[in-house]
Amino acid sequence: MQRSVSIVGLGNWGSSLAHALNAAGVSLQEVILSSERSGAGRSAWARTLPLTTLDRAQLKADVLWLCVPDAAISRVTGRIVKRVGKRGLKGQIVVHSSGALSAQVLQAAARAGASVASVHPVMSFATRVPVSLQGVPFGVEAEAATRRILNAIVRQVGGRPFAVEAGSKALYHAVGVLSSPLLVSHLAAAHEAAILAGFTPRQARRLIEPIVRATLDNFFLRGPGKSFSGPIARGDVPTIDLHLRALKPHPMLAGVYRSLALYALKTLPASSRKKLRSSLRRK
């Protein structure tokens, strides 16, 4: 059975979802903005969407999909419940896309008769330019019957749904943060170190790009242990000491280096672990 969807919120993630639903031929009844003003400056394709505001929305789609910041989910749910009034939400599904929060945050909608769920894409949405959802994993937290409906929609837009338990959400979401924004933070640290070594920002990016791409390819092809190389892997204490002395005037970079190196000693193949650990822990 084809299910209709309304999106609440058209930020970075909501834009990609709306684009994917449209492209997949899913019935997109409404795209609900926080206000008329929030629709200003939208791209040409976004202006072709069935845009409306929460004060004017019909809210009758089979699935009401909240694509709003985590801190706004409870408040927006309350506004939806107030907007539908006595009609309630019986027979509808209300879903949010927080990776860290469980569906419990939607209890106001559940009390109004809705089935509630969480559907979180394991992908980075850095801008409002739509990102392809083809092959993207989606963590789905829902009761069995609701999960089947949502899994079907995820597959329609090209995603790969998998079940995630409410009690695992925070740790599951930490995986995504370590895999993308904190990976960017790590690369930013390497970029800064290159600039400190005398390279321009453009030169720094060109310097680290080949080794970063090769490392990522190796990691996903061979796994962590077989893609790990360099002075820690070979137990080269003098080289590590040189790095630490060079980084000493830059405490935050030195801290990043020490933390990642100590984690590598614990989890990856390395020689001279005891000597390296002693060197890394010296102030």
C-alpha atoms as a PDB file:
ATOM      1  CA  MET A   1       0.000   0.000   0.000  1.00  0.00           C
ATOM      2  CA  GLN A   2       1.376   3.415  -1.004  1.00  0.00           C
ATOM      3  CA  ARG A   3       1.749   5.682   2.028  1.00  0.00           C
ATOM      4  CA  SER A   4       1.603   9.477   1.920  1.00  0.00           C
ATOM      5  CA  VAL A   5       4.172  11.578   3.772  1.00  0.00           C
ATOM      6  CA  SER A   6       4.294  15.115   5.119  1.00  0.00           C
ATOM      7  CA  ILE A   7       7.632  16.610   6.143  1.00  0.00           C
ATOM      8  CA  VAL A   8       7.880  19.046   9.039  1.00  0.00           C
ATOM      9  CA  GLY A   9      11.005  21.155   8.624  1.00  0.00           C
ATOM     10  CA  LEU A  10      13.034  21.840   5.493  1.00  0.00           C
ATOM     11  CA  GLY A  11      16.582  22.208   6.761  1.00  0.00           C
ATOM     12  CA  ASN A  12      19.585  20.253   5.479  1.00  0.00           C
ATOM     13  CA  TRP A  13      18.125  16.801   6.167  1.00  0.00           C
ATOM     14  CA  GLY A  14      14.534  17.729   5.317  1.00  0.00           C
ATOM     15  CA  SER A  15      15.658  19.040   1.925  1.00  0.00           C
ATOM     16  CA  SER A  16      17.355  15.750   1.056  1.00  0.00           C
ATOM     17  CA  LEU A  17      14.363  13.730   2.255  1.00  0.00           C
ATOM     18  CA  ALA A  18      11.877  15.843   0.273  1.00  0.00           C
ATOM     19  CA  HIS A  19      13.988  15.538  -2.866  1.00  0.00           C
ATOM     20  CA  ALA A  20      14.311  11.753  -2.446  1.00  0.00           C
ATOM     21  CA  LEU A  21      10.600  11.211  -1.779  1.00  0.00           C
ATOM     22  CA  ASN A  22       9.681  13.265  -4.840  1.00  0.00           C
ATOM     23  CA  ALA A  23      12.171  11.414  -7.025  1.00  0.00           C
ATOM     24  CA  ALA A  24      10.864   8.039  -5.799  1.00  0.00           C
ATOM     25  CA  GLY A  25       7.259   8.965  -6.541  1.00  0.00           C
ATOM     26  CA  VAL A  26       6.168   8.838  -2.902  1.00  0.00           C
ATOM     27  CA  SER A  27       3.088  10.968  -2.260  1.00  0.00           C
ATOM     28  CA  LEU A  28       4.449  14.099  -0.558  1.00  0.00           C
ATOM     29  CA  GLN A  29       1.348  15.866   0.749  1.00  0.00           C
ATOM     30  CA  GLU A  30       2.898  18.805   2.585  1.00  0.00           C
ATOM     31  CA  VAL A  31       6.286  20.282   3.411  1.00  0.00           C
ATOM     32  CA  ILE A  32       5.694  22.290   6.545  1.00  0.00           C
ATOM     33  CA  LEU A  33       7.876  25.298   7.307  1.00  0.00           C
ATOM     34  CA  SER A  34       8.177  27.057  10.635  1.00  0.00           C
ATOM     35  CA  SER A  35       6.845  30.233   9.000  1.00  0.00           C
ATOM     36  CA  GLU A  36       6.208  31.739   5.574  1.00  0.00           C
ATOM     37  CA  ARG A  37       9.386  33.722   5.970  1.00  0.00           C
ATOM     38  CA  SER A  38      11.451  30.550   6.342  1.00  0.00           C
ATOM     39  CA  GLY A  39      10.601  29.693   2.730  1.00  0.00           C
ATOM     40  CA  ALA A  40      12.361  32.799   1.406  1.00  0.00           C
ATOM     41  CA  GLY A  41      15.513  32.227  -0.608  1.00  0.00           C
ATOM     42  CA  ARG A  42      14.776  28.555  -1.277  1.00  0.00           C
ATOM     43  CA  SER A  43      16.201  26.972  -4.407  1.00  0.00           C
ATOM     44  CA  ALA A  44      14.015  26.667  -7.487  1.00  0.00           C
ATOM     45  CA  TRP A  45      13.326  22.951  -6.935  1.00  0.00           C
ATOM     46  CA  ALA A  46      12.331  23.563  -3.296  1.00  0.00           C
ATOM     47  CA  ARG A  47       9.797  26.191  -4.354  1.00  0.00           C
ATOM     48  CA  THR A  48       8.015  23.512  -6.419  1.00  0.00           C
ATOM     49  CA  LEU A  49       7.257  21.531  -3.247  1.00  0.00           C
ATOM     50  CA  PRO A  50       3.828  21.695  -1.531  1.00  0.00           C
ATOM     51  CA  LEU A  51       5.076  24.252   1.010  1.00  0.00           C
ATOM     52  CA  THR A  52       2.899  25.408   3.865  1.00  0.00           C
ATOM     53  CA  THR A  53       3.193  26.421   7.510  1.00  0.00           C
ATOM     54  CA  LEU A  54       2.166  24.570  10.650  1.00  0.00           C
ATOM     55  CA  ASP A  55      -0.694  27.010  11.204  1.00  0.00           C
ATOM     56  CA  ARG A  56      -2.132  26.176   7.774  1.00  0.00           C
ATOM     57  CA  ALA A  57      -1.138  22.512   7.374  1.00  0.00           C
ATOM     58  CA  GLN A  58      -3.785  19.802   7.030  1.00  0.00           C
ATOM     59  CA  LEU A  59      -1.596  17.188   8.792  1.00  0.00           C
ATOM     60  CA  LYS A  60      -3.539  14.301   7.241  1.00  0.00           C
ATOM     61  CA  ALA A  61      -0.694  12.307   5.655  1.00  0.00           C
ATOM     62  CA  ASP A  62      -0.153   8.705   6.719  1.00  0.00           C
ATOM     63  CA  VAL A  63       3.320   9.633   7.973  1.00  0.00           C
ATOM     64  CA  LEU A  64       4.220  12.961   9.607  1.00  0.00           C
ATOM     65  CA  TRP A  65       8.012  13.076   9.443  1.00  0.00           C
ATOM     66  CA  LEU A  66       9.666  15.618  11.762  1.00  0.00           C
ATOM     67  CA  CYS A  67      12.971  16.893  10.351  1.00  0.00           C
ATOM     68  CA  VAL A  68      13.650  19.471  13.041  1.00  0.00           C
ATOM     69  CA  PRO A  69      16.537  19.877  15.535  1.00  0.00           C
ATOM     70  CA  ASP A  70      16.499  17.492  18.495  1.00  0.00           C
ATOM     71  CA  ALA A  71      15.698  20.284  20.940  1.00  0.00           C
ATOM     72  CA  ALA A  72      12.594  21.242  18.930  1.00  0.00           C
ATOM     73  CA  ILE A  73      11.035  17.771  18.535  1.00  0.00           C
ATOM     74  CA  SER A  74       8.945  17.812  21.713  1.00  0.00           C
ATOM     75  CA  ARG A  75       7.750  21.391  21.148  1.00  0.00           C
ATOM     76  CA  VAL A  76       6.825  20.798  17.491  1.00  0.00           C
ATOM     77  CA  THR A  77       5.010  17.583  18.423  1.00  0.00           C
ATOM     78  CA  GLY A  78       2.981  19.534  20.951  1.00  0.00           C
ATOM     79  CA  ARG A  79       2.059  22.085  18.290  1.00  0.00           C
ATOM     80  CA  ILE A  80       0.950  19.319  15.918  1.00  0.00           C
ATOM     81  CA  VAL A  81      -1.228  17.717  18.592  1.00  0.00           C
ATOM     82  CA  LYS A  82      -2.770  21.088  19.407  1.00  0.00           C
ATOM     83  CA  ARG A  83      -3.323  21.817  15.708  1.00  0.00           C
ATOM     84  CA  VAL A  84      -5.210  18.563  14.992  1.00  0.00           C
ATOM     85  CA  GLY A  85      -7.307  19.003  18.133  1.00  0.00           C
ATOM     86  CA  LYS A  86     -10.106  16.510  18.773  1.00  0.00           C
ATOM     87  CA  ARG A  87      -9.498  14.761  15.460  1.00  0.00           C
ATOM     88  CA  GLY A  88      -6.331  13.358  16.933  1.00  0.00           C
ATOM     89  CA  LEU A  89      -3.730  11.315  15.067  1.00  0.00           C
ATOM     90  CA  LYS A  90      -5.246   7.839  15.124  1.00  0.00           C
ATOM     91  CA  GLY A  91      -4.047   5.694  12.227  1.00  0.00           C
ATOM     92  CA  GLN A  92      -1.110   8.014  11.495  1.00  0.00           C
ATOM     93  CA  ILE A  93       2.604   7.581  12.150  1.00  0.00           C
ATOM     94  CA  VAL A  94       4.635  10.406  13.657  1.00  0.00           C
ATOM     95  CA  VAL A  95       8.368   9.930  13.208  1.00  0.00           C
ATOM     96  CA  HIS A  96      11.448  11.991  14.062  1.00  0.00           C
ATOM     97  CA  SER A  97      14.961  11.674  12.650  1.00  0.00           C
ATOM     98  CA  SER A  98      17.113  12.168  15.739  1.00  0.00           C
ATOM     99  CA  GLY A  99      19.866   9.606  16.017  1.00  0.00           C
ATOM    100  CA  ALA A 100      20.330  10.124  19.746  1.00  0.00           C
ATOM    101  CA  LEU A 101      16.741  10.451  21.022  1.00  0.00           C
ATOM    102  CA  SER A 102      14.269   7.592  21.220  1.00  0.00           C
ATOM    103  CA  ALA A 103      10.662   7.706  20.031  1.00  0.00           C
ATOM    104  CA  GLN A 104       9.681   8.401  23.644  1.00  0.00           C
ATOM    105  CA  VAL A 105      10.072  12.116  22.918  1.00  0.00           C
ATOM    106  CA  LEU A 106       6.951  11.813  20.708  1.00  0.00           C
ATOM    107  CA  GLN A 107       4.665  10.686  23.532  1.00  0.00           C
ATOM    108  CA  ALA A 108       2.310  13.650  23.041  1.00  0.00           C
ATOM    109  CA  ALA A 109       1.579  12.286  19.561  1.00  0.00           C
ATOM    110  CA  ALA A 110       1.169   8.758  20.949  1.00  0.00           C
ATOM    111  CA  ARG A 111      -1.401  10.033  23.443  1.00  0.00           C
ATOM    112  CA  ALA A 112      -3.262  11.588  20.496  1.00  0.00           C
ATOM    113  CA  GLY A 113      -3.499   8.144  18.887  1.00  0.00           C
ATOM    114  CA  ALA A 114      -0.443   8.067  16.619  1.00  0.00           C
ATOM    115  CA  SER A 115       2.103   5.297  16.230  1.00  0.00           C
ATOM    116  CA  VAL A 116       5.496   6.838  16.962  1.00  0.00           C
ATOM    117  CA  ALA A 117       8.953   5.985  15.663  1.00  0.00           C
ATOM    118  CA  SER A 118      12.430   7.240  14.903  1.00  0.00           C
ATOM    119  CA  VAL A 119      14.114   6.929  11.494  1.00  0.00           C
ATOM    120  CA  HIS A 120      17.692   8.184  11.359  1.00  0.00           C
ATOM    121  CA  PRO A 121      19.888   8.313   8.221  1.00  0.00           C
ATOM    122  CA  VAL A 122      23.559   7.478   8.841  1.00  0.00           C
ATOM    123  CA  MET A 123      24.791  10.203   6.512  1.00  0.00           C
ATOM    124  CA  SER A 124      26.162  13.748   6.607  1.00  0.00           C
ATOM    125  CA  PHE A 125      23.922  16.612   5.452  1.00  0.00           C
ATOM    126  CA  ALA A 126      26.185  19.649   5.558  1.00  0.00           C
ATOM    127  CA  THR A 127      24.071  21.944   3.360  1.00  0.00           C
ATOM    128  CA  ARG A 128      20.566  22.163   1.884  1.00  0.00           C
ATOM    129  CA  VAL A 129      21.802  20.816  -1.434  1.00  0.00           C
ATOM    130  CA  PRO A 130      20.057  17.417  -1.624  1.00  0.00           C
ATOM    131  CA  VAL A 131      22.244  14.397  -0.891  1.00  0.00           C
ATOM    132  CA  SER A 132      21.500  11.054  -2.585  1.00  0.00           C
ATOM    133  CA  LEU A 133      20.030   8.506  -0.170  1.00  0.00           C
ATOM    134  CA  GLN A 134      20.959   5.572  -2.403  1.00  0.00           C
ATOM    135  CA  GLY A 135      22.613   2.930  -0.218  1.00  0.00           C
ATOM    136  CA  VAL A 136      22.407   5.040   2.965  1.00  0.00           C
ATOM    137  CA  PRO A 137      21.792   2.978   6.145  1.00  0.00           C
ATOM    138  CA  PHE A 138      18.744   4.075   8.189  1.00  0.00           C
ATOM    139  CA  GLY A 139      18.331   3.143  11.837  1.00  0.00           C
ATOM    140  CA  VAL A 140      14.621   2.469  12.469  1.00  0.00           C
ATOM    141  CA  GLU A 141      13.224   2.369  16.008  1.00  0.00           C
ATOM    142  CA  ALA A 142       9.559   1.335  15.945  1.00  0.00           C
ATOM    143  CA  GLU A 143       7.070  -1.360  16.803  1.00  0.00           C
ATOM    144  CA  ALA A 144       7.011  -4.221  14.280  1.00  0.00           C
ATOM    145  CA  ALA A 145       3.968  -3.141  12.235  1.00  0.00           C
ATOM    146  CA  THR A 146       5.105   0.484  12.058  1.00  0.00           C
ATOM    147  CA  ARG A 147       8.660  -0.558  11.244  1.00  0.00           C
ATOM    148  CA  ARG A 148       7.474  -2.529   8.212  1.00  0.00           C
ATOM    149  CA  ILE A 149       5.747   0.565   6.809  1.00  0.00           C
ATOM    150  CA  LEU A 150       8.739   2.809   7.442  1.00  0.00           C
ATOM    151  CA  ASN A 151      11.196   0.230   6.097  1.00  0.00           C
ATOM    152  CA  ALA A 152       9.218   0.193   2.841  1.00  0.00           C
ATOM    153  CA  ILE A 153       9.463   3.994   2.524  1.00  0.00           C
ATOM    154  CA  VAL A 154      13.192   3.930   3.292  1.00  0.00           C
ATOM    155  CA  ARG A 155      13.711   1.318   0.579  1.00  0.00           C
ATOM    156  CA  GLN A 156      11.675   3.400  -1.886  1.00  0.00           C
ATOM    157  CA  VAL A 157      14.138   6.289  -1.529  1.00  0.00           C
ATOM    158  CA  GLY A 158      17.104   3.924  -1.934  1.00  0.00           C
ATOM    159  CA  GLY A 159      18.027   3.505   1.730  1.00  0.00           C
ATOM    160  CA  ARG A 160      18.931   0.362   3.681  1.00  0.00           C
ATOM    161  CA  PRO A 161      16.820   0.117   6.861  1.00  0.00           C
ATOM    162  CA  PHE A 162      17.940  -1.743   9.976  1.00  0.00           C
ATOM    163  CA  ALA A 163      16.396  -2.023  13.428  1.00  0.00           C
ATOM    164  CA  VAL A 164      17.868  -0.067  16.338  1.00  0.00           C
ATOM    165  CA  GLU A 165      16.754  -0.397  19.962  1.00  0.00           C
ATOM    166  CA  ALA A 166      15.798   2.640  22.037  1.00  0.00           C
ATOM    167  CA  GLY A 167      18.383   1.807  24.706  1.00  0.00           C
ATOM    168  CA  SER A 168      21.185   1.784  22.130  1.00  0.00           C
ATOM    169  CA  LYS A 169      20.373   5.110  20.461  1.00  0.00           C
ATOM    170  CA  ALA A 170      22.963   7.313  22.189  1.00  0.00           C
ATOM    171  CA  LEU A 171      25.867   4.931  21.542  1.00  0.00           C
ATOM    172  CA  TYR A 172      24.633   4.238  18.001  1.00  0.00           C
ATOM    173  CA  HIS A 173      24.534   7.980  17.316  1.00  0.00           C
ATOM    174  CA  ALA A 174      28.047   8.399  18.762  1.00  0.00           C
ATOM    175  CA  VAL A 175      29.198   6.037  15.992  1.00  0.00           C
ATOM    176  CA  GLY A 176      27.904   8.497  13.406  1.00  0.00           C
ATOM    177  CA  VAL A 177      29.540  11.464  15.146  1.00  0.00           C
ATOM    178  CA  LEU A 178      32.887   9.643  15.293  1.00  0.00           C
ATOM    179  CA  SER A 179      32.487   8.669  11.625  1.00  0.00           C
ATOM    180  CA  SER A 180      31.771  12.118  10.203  1.00  0.00           C
ATOM    181  CA  PRO A 181      31.928  15.375  12.234  1.00  0.00           C
ATOM    182  CA  LEU A 182      34.752  14.160  14.484  1.00  0.00           C
ATOM    183  CA  LEU A 183      36.518  12.715  11.457  1.00  0.00           C
ATOM    184  CA  VAL A 184      36.333  16.226   9.979  1.00  0.00           C
ATOM    185  CA  SER A 185      37.727  17.537  13.283  1.00  0.00           C
ATOM    186  CA  HIS A 186      40.614  15.066  13.025  1.00  0.00           C
ATOM    187  CA  LEU A 187      41.331  16.148   9.437  1.00  0.00           C
ATOM    188  CA  ALA A 188      41.109  19.793  10.521  1.00  0.00           C
ATOM    189  CA  ALA A 189      43.843  19.054  13.095  1.00  0.00           C
ATOM    190  CA  ALA A 190      46.063  17.565  10.362  1.00  0.00           C
ATOM    191  CA  HIS A 191      45.276  20.595   8.180  1.00  0.00           C
ATOM    192  CA  GLU A 192      46.267  22.978  10.981  1.00  0.00           C
ATOM    193  CA  ALA A 193      49.506  21.099  11.626  1.00  0.00           C
ATOM    194  CA  ALA A 194      50.360  21.436   7.919  1.00  0.00           C
ATOM    195  CA  ILE A 195      49.749  25.194   8.077  1.00  0.00           C
ATOM    196  CA  LEU A 196      51.980  25.416  11.164  1.00  0.00           C
ATOM    197  CA  ALA A 197      54.641  23.613   9.115  1.00  0.00           C
ATOM    198  CA  GLY A 198      54.537  26.450   6.566  1.00  0.00           C
ATOM    199  CA  PHE A 199      51.992  25.333   3.980  1.00  0.00           C
ATOM    200  CA  THR A 200      49.151  27.526   2.743  1.00  0.00           C
ATOM    201  CA  PRO A 201      45.605  26.232   3.395  1.00  0.00           C
ATOM    202  CA  ARG A 202      45.301  25.158  -0.250  1.00  0.00           C
ATOM    203  CA  GLN A 203      48.691  23.445  -0.155  1.00  0.00           C
ATOM    204  CA  ALA A 204      47.731  21.756   3.114  1.00  0.00           C
ATOM    205  CA  ARG A 205      44.614  20.236   1.566  1.00  0.00           C
ATOM    206  CA  ARG A 206      46.560  19.045  -1.463  1.00  0.00           C
ATOM    207  CA  LEU A 207      49.215  17.588   0.834  1.00  0.00           C
ATOM    208  CA  ILE A 208      46.859  15.469   2.953  1.00  0.00           C
ATOM    209  CA  GLU A 209      44.256  14.508   0.328  1.00  0.00           C
ATOM    210  CA  PRO A 210      46.086  11.543  -1.293  1.00  0.00           C
ATOM    211  CA  ILE A 211      47.065   9.899   1.991  1.00  0.00           C
ATOM    212  CA  VAL A 212      43.597  10.430   3.496  1.00  0.00           C
ATOM    213  CA  ARG A 213      41.835   8.920   0.478  1.00  0.00           C
ATOM    214  CA  ALA A 214      44.252   5.965   0.349  1.00  0.00           C
ATOM    215  CA  THR A 215      43.803   5.351   4.079  1.00  0.00           C
ATOM    216  CA  LEU A 216      40.001   5.355   3.829  1.00  0.00           C
ATOM    217  CA  ASP A 217      40.125   2.975   0.850  1.00  0.00           C
ATOM    218  CA  ASN A 218      42.473   0.643   2.750  1.00  0.00           C
ATOM    219  CA  PHE A 219      40.321   0.756   5.897  1.00  0.00           C
ATOM    220  CA  PHE A 220      37.127  -0.282   4.132  1.00  0.00           C
ATOM    221  CA  LEU A 221      38.861  -2.815   1.889  1.00  0.00           C
ATOM    222  CA  ARG A 222      41.137  -4.469   4.477  1.00  0.00           C
ATOM    223  CA  GLY A 223      39.897  -3.447   7.911  1.00  0.00           C
ATOM    224  CA  PRO A 224      41.630  -1.463  10.697  1.00  0.00           C
ATOM    225  CA  GLY A 225      44.596  -3.712  11.453  1.00  0.00           C
ATOM    226  CA  LYS A 226      45.731  -4.171   7.864  1.00  0.00           C
ATOM    227  CA  SER A 227      45.445  -0.474   7.017  1.00  0.00           C
ATOM    228  CA  PHE A 228      47.512   0.771   9.984  1.00  0.00           C
ATOM    229  CA  SER A 229      51.068   1.943   9.246  1.00  0.00           C
ATOM    230  CA  GLY A 230      53.637   4.538  10.316  1.00  0.00           C
ATOM    231  CA  PRO A 231      55.837   5.076  13.388  1.00  0.00           C
ATOM    232  CA  ILE A 232      53.403   3.615  15.941  1.00  0.00           C
ATOM    233  CA  ALA A 233      52.961   0.418  13.928  1.00  0.00           C
ATOM    234  CA  ARG A 234      56.732  -0.053  13.669  1.00  0.00           C
ATOM    235  CA  GLY A 235      57.469   1.066  17.258  1.00  0.00           C
ATOM    236  CA  ASP A 236      59.549   4.087  16.239  1.00  0.00           C
ATOM    237  CA  VAL A 237      59.889   5.865  19.608  1.00  0.00           C
ATOM    238  CA  PRO A 238      62.418   8.531  18.464  1.00  0.00           C
ATOM    239  CA  THR A 239      60.078   9.723  15.694  1.00  0.00           C
ATOM    240  CA  ILE A 240      57.108   9.905  18.071  1.00  0.00           C
ATOM    241  CA  ASP A 241      59.268  11.954  20.475  1.00  0.00           C
ATOM    242  CA  LEU A 242      60.140  14.349  17.625  1.00  0.00           C
ATOM    243  CA  HIS A 243      56.444  14.817  16.874  1.00  0.00           C
ATOM    244  CA  LEU A 244      55.579  15.481  20.516  1.00  0.00           C
ATOM    245  CA  ARG A 245      58.352  18.086  20.845  1.00  0.00           C
ATOM    246  CA  ALA A 246      57.179  19.840  17.681  1.00  0.00           C
ATOM    247  CA  LEU A 247      53.572  19.847  18.921  1.00  0.00           C
ATOM    248  CA  LYS A 248      54.392  20.969  22.476  1.00  0.00           C
ATOM    249  CA  PRO A 249      53.728  24.685  21.733  1.00  0.00           C
ATOM    250  CA  HIS A 250      50.270  23.680  20.445  1.00  0.00           C
ATOM    251  CA  PRO A 251      48.581  21.888  23.383  1.00  0.00           C
ATOM    252  CA  MET A 252      45.265  21.061  21.695  1.00  0.00           C
ATOM    253  CA  LEU A 253      46.963  19.485  18.681  1.00  0.00           C
ATOM    254  CA  ALA A 254      49.324  17.632  21.012  1.00  0.00           C
ATOM    255  CA  GLY A 255      46.330  16.363  22.968  1.00  0.00           C
ATOM    256  CA  VAL A 256      44.619  15.080  19.824  1.00  0.00           C
ATOM    257  CA  TYR A 257      47.848  13.357  18.781  1.00  0.00           C
ATOM    258  CA  ARG A 258      48.377  11.710  22.191  1.00  0.00           C
ATOM    259  CA  SER A 259      44.770  10.523  22.508  1.00  0.00           C
ATOM    260  CA  LEU A 260      44.662   8.968  19.045  1.00  0.00           C
ATOM    261  CA  ALA A 261      48.105   7.416  19.471  1.00  0.00           C
ATOM    262  CA  LEU A 262      47.214   5.869  22.847  1.00  0.00           C
ATOM    263  CA  TYR A 263      43.990   4.480  21.381  1.00  0.00           C
ATOM    264  CA  ALA A 264      46.025   3.008  18.500  1.00  0.00           C
ATOM    265  CA  LEU A 265      48.369   1.332  20.995  1.00  0.00           C
ATOM    266  CA  LYS A 266      45.398  -0.284  22.689  1.00  0.00           C
ATOM    267  CA  THR A 267      43.523  -1.448  19.602  1.00  0.00           C
ATOM    268  CA  LEU A 268      45.856  -1.715  16.601  1.00  0.00           C
ATOM    269  CA  PRO A 269      49.009  -3.712  15.770  1.00  0.00           C
ATOM    270  CA  ALA A 270      52.080  -1.902  17.134  1.00  0.00           C
ATOM    271  CA  SER A 271      55.631  -2.694  18.190  1.00  0.00           C
ATOM    272  CA  SER A 272      57.382  -1.493  21.376  1.00  0.00           C
ATOM    273  CA  ARG A 273      54.042  -0.752  23.031  1.00  0.00           C
ATOM    274  CA  LYS A 274      55.487  -0.217  26.497  1.00  0.00           C
ATOM    275  CA  LYS A 275      58.126   2.300  25.356  1.00  0.00           C
ATOM    276  CA  LEU A 276      55.650   4.121  23.116  1.00  0.00           C
ATOM    277  CA  ARG A 277      53.066   4.333  25.898  1.00  0.00           C
ATOM    278  CA  SER A 278      55.674   5.736  28.282  1.00  0.00           C
ATOM    279  CA  SER A 279      56.743   8.337  25.714  1.00  0.00           C
ATOM    280  CA  LEU A 280      53.179   9.410  24.966  1.00  0.00           C
ATOM    281  CA  ARG A 281      52.295   9.801  28.653  1.00  0.00           C
ATOM    282  CA  ARG A 282      55.295  11.982  29.490  1.00  0.00           C
ATOM    283  CA  LYS A 283      54.316  15.635  29.907  1.00  0.00           C
END
